[in-house]
């Protein structure tokens, strides 16, 4: 999922009861919920390196205790700094004025909140179609639930309401002089988290229904070898389907509410490209190895001399030739508004220039070049 959902989930986990046990619980949970995405720093090493390591070791079960420890460490450092500053201020003022007792810090509970939030990150990312490798490095297989879109406004509304409404009610109580309630919003946070699970279960059921419809309907003219059902945001009844046959891929739009499957040939048919010598050479490059490890619906095709990319085309002596090999994944080749196949370059697509059908001249992802 994108960062907004992770941050909001962490905040709700902290406010669902951990914040009653200890100070800093909500802060630690919020940090831990997004911390695994710090693997984006691999982007400084280039786009292919970023693809290789994104949702890598930080998104594994073995990393959860360490991510939680790091998220606990930041509040601990802040607590030490604040305690030191308050001690110096008290010594200078020599104040005898009694201070309001601060909530006690129980670092075991802080770590527990961070641990649950770090685990929630892996669970949330599994629900969408990019996938995770939770058992890496022992098992390199990718797992993807593919029933929640990477950005889901319904979840934003649930989680935001759990954080905003208690604050609004607190302002109302202050206006009328009501007694201040400590740890307000626990019930809201629990309801929001339970609501998230309800949304998941609903979408899981509709995803299974869409698969069953496709398996019981002859969408393609020849038997299929596999299929995938990809989600749209907001609407739990609308799904994008990909079906593979020995000769081609076919896409379709599925509506589980009315029980319809829409697929129009030839616009929804993509014939499998020929494996040329350049394509085989591209598969052996750094980009090729990384992309094919991740792309469960990868399509690799020779698109000829296509210089409108981030890297300049190769400058060759007379008699030598070059071509562009494109890598794309059909899981992301559709518009999120429910209009079917996306136009233009697919998201998360890669490319490489191959010289004389055997040598790599440049490679990258989208508009970024791998140095």
Protein backbone atom coordinates (compact mmCIF):
# COMPACT_ATOMS: atom_id res chain seq x y z
CA UNK A 1 0.00 0.00 0.00
CA UNK A 2 1.00 3.64 -0.30
CA UNK A 3 2.38 5.50 2.78
CA UNK A 4 -0.89 7.20 3.79
CA UNK A 5 -2.61 3.90 4.59
CA UNK A 6 0.42 2.61 6.51
CA UNK A 7 0.77 5.75 8.63
CA UNK A 8 -2.96 5.86 9.44
CA UNK A 9 -3.01 2.16 10.30
CA UNK A 10 -0.07 2.57 12.67
CA UNK A 11 -1.73 5.53 14.39
CA UNK A 12 -4.95 3.55 14.87
CA UNK A 13 -3.02 0.55 16.23
CA UNK A 14 -1.37 2.80 18.79
CA UNK A 15 -4.67 4.39 19.80
CA UNK A 16 -6.57 1.10 19.95
CA UNK A 17 -5.25 0.47 23.48
CA UNK A 18 -1.45 0.54 23.48
CA UNK A 19 -1.47 4.26 24.27
CA UNK A 20 -3.26 3.46 27.55
CA UNK A 21 -0.40 1.20 28.59
CA UNK A 22 2.50 3.54 27.91
CA UNK A 23 3.57 6.85 26.52
CA UNK A 24 5.03 6.91 22.98
CA UNK A 25 2.96 3.89 21.87
CA UNK A 26 1.17 5.77 19.08
CA UNK A 27 4.39 7.43 17.93
CA UNK A 28 6.28 4.12 17.79
CA UNK A 29 3.41 2.33 16.03
CA UNK A 30 3.09 5.07 13.43
CA UNK A 31 6.81 4.97 12.69
CA UNK A 32 6.96 1.17 12.55
CA UNK A 33 3.94 0.97 10.25
CA UNK A 34 5.81 2.82 7.49
CA UNK A 35 9.44 1.97 8.33
CA UNK A 36 9.75 -1.04 5.95
CA UNK A 37 9.33 1.32 3.00
CA UNK A 38 12.70 2.89 3.80
CA UNK A 39 14.01 0.40 1.25
CA UNK A 40 13.29 3.16 -1.29
CA UNK A 41 16.79 4.45 -0.49
CA UNK A 42 17.94 1.83 -3.00
CA UNK A 43 16.62 4.27 -5.59
CA UNK A 44 19.87 6.21 -5.18
CA UNK A 45 21.63 3.18 -6.69
CA UNK A 46 19.37 3.32 -9.75
CA UNK A 47 15.86 2.26 -10.76
CA UNK A 48 16.74 -1.38 -11.41
CA UNK A 49 18.43 -1.66 -8.02
CA UNK A 50 15.32 -0.12 -6.48
CA UNK A 51 13.10 -2.70 -8.20
CA UNK A 52 15.39 -5.49 -7.01
CA UNK A 53 15.30 -4.47 -3.35
CA UNK A 54 11.83 -2.88 -3.04
CA UNK A 55 9.69 -5.02 -0.76
CA UNK A 56 12.82 -6.97 -0.04
CA UNK A 57 14.36 -7.86 3.31
CA UNK A 58 12.52 -5.07 5.19
CA UNK A 59 9.21 -6.62 4.12
CA UNK A 60 9.91 -10.07 5.56
CA UNK A 61 8.75 -11.77 8.74
CA UNK A 62 12.34 -12.13 9.89
CA UNK A 63 12.75 -8.34 9.75
CA UNK A 64 9.68 -7.46 11.85
CA UNK A 65 11.48 -7.64 15.25
CA UNK A 66 14.31 -5.45 13.97
CA UNK A 67 11.98 -2.90 12.38
CA UNK A 68 10.06 -2.73 15.67
CA UNK A 69 13.30 -2.25 17.60
CA UNK A 70 14.36 0.61 15.32
CA UNK A 71 10.94 2.26 15.63
CA UNK A 72 11.19 1.94 19.44
CA UNK A 73 14.69 3.36 19.45
CA UNK A 74 13.68 6.73 18.03
CA UNK A 75 11.16 7.50 20.83
CA UNK A 76 13.75 6.25 23.33
CA UNK A 77 16.31 8.76 22.03
CA UNK A 78 13.69 11.50 22.09
CA UNK A 79 12.73 10.55 25.66
CA UNK A 80 16.36 10.70 26.80
CA UNK A 81 16.85 14.07 25.15
CA UNK A 82 13.68 15.53 26.67
CA UNK A 83 14.47 14.16 30.13
CA UNK A 84 17.95 15.68 29.96
CA UNK A 85 16.58 19.05 28.84
CA UNK A 86 13.93 19.09 31.59
CA UNK A 87 16.53 18.22 34.23
CA UNK A 88 18.74 21.14 33.19
CA UNK A 89 15.78 23.52 33.13
CA UNK A 90 14.64 22.45 36.61
CA UNK A 91 18.14 22.91 38.00
CA UNK A 92 18.41 26.41 36.59
CA UNK A 93 15.01 27.56 37.82
CA UNK A 94 15.18 25.66 41.12
CA UNK A 95 11.43 25.49 40.84
CA UNK A 96 9.37 23.92 43.60
CA UNK A 97 6.13 24.19 41.66
CA UNK A 98 4.54 20.75 41.31
CA UNK A 99 4.34 19.43 37.77
CA UNK A 100 1.53 17.42 36.26
CA UNK A 101 2.49 13.77 36.34
CA UNK A 102 3.41 12.52 32.89
CA UNK A 103 2.27 9.14 31.67
CA UNK A 104 4.71 6.40 32.55
CA UNK A 105 6.85 4.91 29.81
CA UNK A 106 6.87 1.12 29.62
CA UNK A 107 9.32 0.25 26.88
CA UNK A 108 8.08 -3.32 26.59
CA UNK A 109 4.64 -2.02 25.62
CA UNK A 110 6.19 0.53 23.25
CA UNK A 111 8.02 -2.30 21.51
CA UNK A 112 4.84 -4.41 21.39
CA UNK A 113 2.95 -1.59 19.66
CA UNK A 114 5.79 -1.17 17.16
CA UNK A 115 5.92 -4.93 16.54
CA UNK A 116 2.20 -5.16 15.72
CA UNK A 117 2.43 -2.11 13.45
CA UNK A 118 5.49 -3.46 11.62
CA UNK A 119 3.66 -6.75 11.01
CA UNK A 120 0.64 -4.79 9.74
CA UNK A 121 2.81 -3.33 6.98
CA UNK A 122 3.51 -6.79 5.56
CA UNK A 123 -0.16 -7.77 5.79
CA UNK A 124 -1.32 -4.57 4.05
CA UNK A 125 1.20 -4.95 1.23
CA UNK A 126 0.17 -8.56 0.70
CA UNK A 127 -3.42 -7.50 -0.01
CA UNK A 128 -2.52 -5.70 -3.26
CA UNK A 129 -1.14 -7.08 -6.51
CA UNK A 130 2.51 -5.97 -6.33
CA UNK A 131 3.25 -8.77 -3.88
CA UNK A 132 5.71 -9.46 -1.06
CA UNK A 133 8.25 -12.16 -0.19
CA UNK A 134 7.52 -12.67 3.52
CA UNK A 135 9.75 -15.75 3.88
CA UNK A 136 12.79 -14.34 2.08
CA UNK A 137 15.70 -15.28 2.12
CA UNK A 138 14.59 -18.85 2.92
CA UNK A 139 11.84 -18.81 0.29
CA UNK A 140 12.14 -16.31 -2.61
CA UNK A 141 8.54 -16.80 -3.81
CA UNK A 142 6.31 -13.74 -4.24
CA UNK A 143 2.82 -13.78 -2.66
CA UNK A 144 0.03 -11.35 -3.56
CA UNK A 145 -3.59 -11.25 -2.42
CA UNK A 146 -4.56 -8.95 -5.33
CA UNK A 147 -7.91 -7.96 -3.82
CA UNK A 148 -7.17 -4.39 -2.67
CA UNK A 149 -5.91 -1.61 -4.94
CA UNK A 150 -2.62 -0.02 -3.90
CA UNK A 151 -4.46 3.19 -2.95
CA UNK A 152 -7.91 2.57 -1.45
CA UNK A 153 -9.94 5.70 -0.51
CA UNK A 154 -12.41 3.57 1.47
CA UNK A 155 -9.63 2.64 3.88
CA UNK A 156 -8.48 6.26 4.07
CA UNK A 157 -12.00 7.31 5.10
CA UNK A 158 -12.23 4.61 7.77
CA UNK A 159 -8.85 5.32 9.34
CA UNK A 160 -9.04 9.10 9.10
CA UNK A 161 -12.46 9.17 10.73
CA UNK A 162 -11.03 7.26 13.70
CA UNK A 163 -8.43 9.99 14.21
CA UNK A 164 -10.41 13.12 13.29
CA UNK A 165 -13.77 12.60 15.00
CA UNK A 166 -12.39 12.08 18.53
CA UNK A 167 -10.42 15.33 18.13
CA UNK A 168 -13.56 17.16 17.00
CA UNK A 169 -15.57 15.82 19.94
CA UNK A 170 -12.76 16.91 22.26
CA UNK A 171 -13.07 20.47 20.91
CA UNK A 172 -16.82 20.35 21.47
CA UNK A 173 -16.36 19.21 25.08
CA UNK A 174 -13.87 22.01 25.66
CA UNK A 175 -16.37 24.55 24.34
CA UNK A 176 -19.08 23.43 26.76
CA UNK A 177 -16.67 22.99 29.67
CA UNK A 178 -17.03 19.23 29.94
CA UNK A 179 -14.42 17.24 31.78
CA UNK A 180 -11.46 16.28 29.59
CA UNK A 181 -11.39 12.59 28.73
CA UNK A 182 -7.97 10.97 28.66
CA UNK A 183 -7.11 8.57 25.83
CA UNK A 184 -10.11 9.54 23.75
CA UNK A 185 -10.71 7.61 20.54
CA UNK A 186 -9.96 4.02 21.51
CA UNK A 187 -13.34 2.78 20.34
CA UNK A 188 -13.05 4.70 17.07
CA UNK A 189 -9.64 3.16 16.37
CA UNK A 190 -10.87 -0.38 17.08
CA UNK A 191 -13.92 0.13 14.85
CA UNK A 192 -11.73 1.47 12.03
CA UNK A 193 -9.34 -1.48 12.22
CA UNK A 194 -12.24 -3.93 12.32
CA UNK A 195 -13.80 -2.07 9.40
CA UNK A 196 -10.59 -2.58 7.44
CA UNK A 197 -10.84 -6.33 8.03
CA UNK A 198 -14.49 -6.27 6.90
CA UNK A 199 -13.47 -4.49 3.67
CA UNK A 200 -10.76 -7.11 3.11
CA UNK A 201 -13.20 -9.98 3.64
CA UNK A 202 -15.75 -8.41 1.30
CA UNK A 203 -13.16 -7.83 -1.40
CA UNK A 204 -11.70 -11.32 -0.92
CA UNK A 205 -15.14 -12.82 -1.49
CA UNK A 206 -15.77 -10.69 -4.60
CA UNK A 207 -12.29 -11.58 -5.92
CA UNK A 208 -13.09 -15.29 -5.53
CA UNK A 209 -16.45 -14.73 -7.24
CA UNK A 210 -14.73 -13.01 -10.19
CA UNK A 211 -12.32 -15.95 -10.54
CA UNK A 212 -15.19 -18.43 -10.43
CA UNK A 213 -17.07 -16.50 -13.13
CA UNK A 214 -14.03 -16.56 -15.42
CA UNK A 215 -13.41 -20.26 -14.85
CA UNK A 216 -17.02 -21.07 -15.73
CA UNK A 217 -17.23 -18.80 -18.80
CA UNK A 218 -15.52 -19.31 -22.16
CA UNK A 219 -13.91 -15.90 -22.61
CA UNK A 220 -11.15 -17.01 -24.99
CA UNK A 221 -11.51 -19.07 -28.16
CA UNK A 222 -9.00 -21.64 -26.90
CA UNK A 223 -8.38 -23.07 -23.40
CA UNK A 224 -6.48 -20.88 -20.93
CA UNK A 225 -3.41 -21.95 -18.96
CA UNK A 226 -3.84 -19.45 -16.11
CA UNK A 227 -5.71 -16.31 -15.10
CA UNK A 228 -5.38 -13.37 -12.73
CA UNK A 229 -7.95 -10.96 -11.29
CA UNK A 230 -6.73 -7.45 -10.44
CA UNK A 231 -8.55 -4.87 -8.26
CA UNK A 232 -9.90 -1.39 -8.88
CA UNK A 233 -10.18 1.22 -6.10
CA UNK A 234 -13.46 1.93 -4.27
CA UNK A 235 -15.73 -0.43 -6.23
CA UNK A 236 -15.47 -3.99 -4.82
CA UNK A 237 -17.51 -5.42 -7.70
CA UNK A 238 -15.25 -4.23 -10.55
CA UNK A 239 -12.20 -6.34 -11.53
CA UNK A 240 -9.67 -6.47 -14.34
CA UNK A 241 -8.97 -9.99 -15.60
CA UNK A 242 -5.94 -11.36 -17.45
CA UNK A 243 -6.16 -14.72 -19.18
CA UNK A 244 -3.26 -16.55 -20.79
CA UNK A 245 -3.44 -19.02 -23.66
CA UNK A 246 -0.56 -20.67 -25.52
CA UNK A 247 -0.73 -18.01 -28.27
CA UNK A 248 -1.94 -14.79 -26.61
CA UNK A 249 -3.07 -12.89 -23.52
CA UNK A 250 -6.63 -11.64 -23.28
CA UNK A 251 -8.01 -9.08 -20.84
CA UNK A 252 -11.57 -8.64 -19.66
CA UNK A 253 -13.62 -6.46 -17.31
CA UNK A 254 -15.61 -8.35 -14.68
CA UNK A 255 -18.57 -7.01 -12.70
CA UNK A 256 -19.53 -9.41 -9.92
CA UNK A 257 -22.58 -7.34 -8.95
CA UNK A 258 -24.43 -7.90 -12.23
CA UNK A 259 -22.49 -11.02 -13.22
CA UNK A 260 -21.06 -9.66 -16.47
CA UNK A 261 -17.74 -10.24 -18.27
CA UNK A 262 -16.80 -7.76 -20.99
CA UNK A 263 -14.04 -8.52 -23.47
CA UNK A 264 -13.72 -7.19 -27.00
CA UNK A 265 -11.42 -8.69 -29.61
CA UNK A 266 -9.00 -7.63 -30.97
CA UNK A 267 -8.54 -4.64 -28.62
CA UNK A 268 -8.38 -6.87 -25.54
CA UNK A 269 -6.03 -9.44 -27.12
CA UNK A 270 -2.23 -9.24 -26.91
CA UNK A 271 -0.41 -11.85 -28.96
CA UNK A 272 2.72 -13.20 -27.36
CA UNK A 273 5.82 -11.56 -28.83
CA UNK A 274 8.52 -13.56 -30.59
CA UNK A 275 11.60 -14.44 -28.58
CA UNK A 276 14.23 -12.87 -30.81
CA UNK A 277 17.98 -13.03 -30.20
CA UNK A 278 17.79 -9.50 -28.78
CA UNK A 279 15.03 -10.54 -26.36
CA UNK A 280 17.07 -13.51 -25.16
CA UNK A 281 20.08 -11.23 -24.63
CA UNK A 282 17.90 -8.74 -22.73
CA UNK A 283 16.65 -11.47 -20.38
CA UNK A 284 20.26 -12.12 -19.33
CA UNK A 285 20.92 -8.48 -18.37
CA UNK A 286 20.71 -7.12 -14.83
CA UNK A 287 17.28 -5.65 -15.62
CA UNK A 288 16.11 -8.89 -17.20
CA UNK A 289 17.04 -11.05 -14.24
CA UNK A 290 15.48 -8.67 -11.70
CA UNK A 291 12.32 -8.04 -13.71
CA UNK A 292 11.60 -11.68 -14.53
CA UNK A 293 12.12 -12.65 -10.88
CA UNK A 294 9.40 -10.21 -9.86
CA UNK A 295 7.08 -9.91 -12.87
CA UNK A 296 4.65 -12.82 -12.64
CA UNK A 297 2.86 -11.54 -15.78
CA UNK A 298 5.94 -10.13 -17.52
CA UNK A 299 5.91 -9.50 -21.27
CA UNK A 300 9.27 -8.99 -23.00
CA UNK A 301 9.25 -7.71 -26.56
CA UNK A 302 11.58 -6.24 -29.15
CA UNK A 303 10.08 -2.86 -30.11
CA UNK A 304 12.82 -1.84 -32.55
CA UNK A 305 14.79 1.39 -32.53
CA UNK A 306 12.83 3.41 -30.01
CA UNK A 307 15.06 6.29 -28.90
CA UNK A 308 12.41 8.32 -27.05
CA UNK A 309 13.67 7.14 -23.66
CA UNK A 310 15.80 8.65 -20.92
CA UNK A 311 19.07 7.36 -22.41
CA UNK A 312 20.46 8.45 -25.76
CA UNK A 313 20.50 5.68 -28.37
CA UNK A 314 23.84 3.93 -28.90
CA UNK A 315 26.33 5.62 -31.22
CA UNK A 316 27.65 2.81 -33.38
CA UNK A 317 30.08 2.46 -36.23
CA UNK A 318 28.77 1.49 -39.64
CA UNK A 319 27.57 -2.07 -39.88
CA UNK A 320 26.40 -2.43 -36.28
CA UNK A 321 22.73 -2.35 -35.24
CA UNK A 322 20.76 -1.81 -32.06
CA UNK A 323 17.21 -2.37 -30.84
CA UNK A 324 15.07 -1.66 -27.77
CA UNK A 325 13.69 -4.49 -25.67
CA UNK A 326 10.79 -3.54 -23.39
CA UNK A 327 9.78 -5.26 -20.15
CA UNK A 328 6.24 -4.78 -18.86
CA UNK A 329 3.90 -6.54 -16.45
CA UNK A 330 0.25 -7.05 -17.41
CA UNK A 331 -0.83 -6.74 -13.76
CA UNK A 332 -0.38 -2.97 -14.07
CA UNK A 333 -1.35 -2.44 -17.71
CA UNK A 334 -4.86 -1.13 -17.03
CA UNK A 335 -6.43 2.17 -16.05
CA UNK A 336 -7.51 2.51 -12.43
CA UNK A 337 -10.76 4.24 -13.44
CA UNK A 338 -12.10 0.96 -14.81
CA UNK A 339 -11.59 1.71 -18.50
CA UNK A 340 -9.64 -1.46 -19.30
CA UNK A 341 -6.14 -1.53 -20.73
CA UNK A 342 -4.06 1.56 -20.06
CA UNK A 343 -2.82 3.64 -22.96
CA UNK A 344 0.83 4.50 -23.45
CA UNK A 345 3.69 2.96 -21.50
CA UNK A 346 2.63 0.65 -18.68
CA UNK A 347 3.57 1.57 -15.10
CA UNK A 348 6.66 -0.22 -13.78
CA UNK A 349 7.92 -0.92 -17.29
CA UNK A 350 11.63 -1.32 -18.06
CA UNK A 351 13.77 -1.19 -21.17
CA UNK A 352 17.23 -1.99 -22.44
CA UNK A 353 19.17 -1.19 -25.61
CA UNK A 354 20.67 -4.33 -27.17
CA UNK A 355 23.51 -3.98 -29.72
CA UNK A 356 24.04 -6.63 -32.40
CA UNK A 357 21.49 -8.88 -30.65
CA UNK A 358 23.94 -9.68 -27.85
CA UNK A 359 25.37 -6.61 -26.02
CA UNK A 360 23.62 -4.29 -23.58
CA UNK A 361 24.20 -0.57 -24.20
CA UNK A 362 21.87 0.95 -21.56
CA UNK A 363 18.94 0.00 -19.35
CA UNK A 364 16.42 1.65 -17.07
CA UNK A 365 12.89 1.87 -15.71
CA UNK A 366 10.50 4.39 -17.20
CA UNK A 367 12.38 7.67 -17.60
CA UNK A 368 15.23 6.71 -15.26
CA UNK A 369 18.50 5.20 -16.43
CA UNK A 370 20.40 2.60 -14.43
CA UNK A 371 23.96 3.90 -14.04
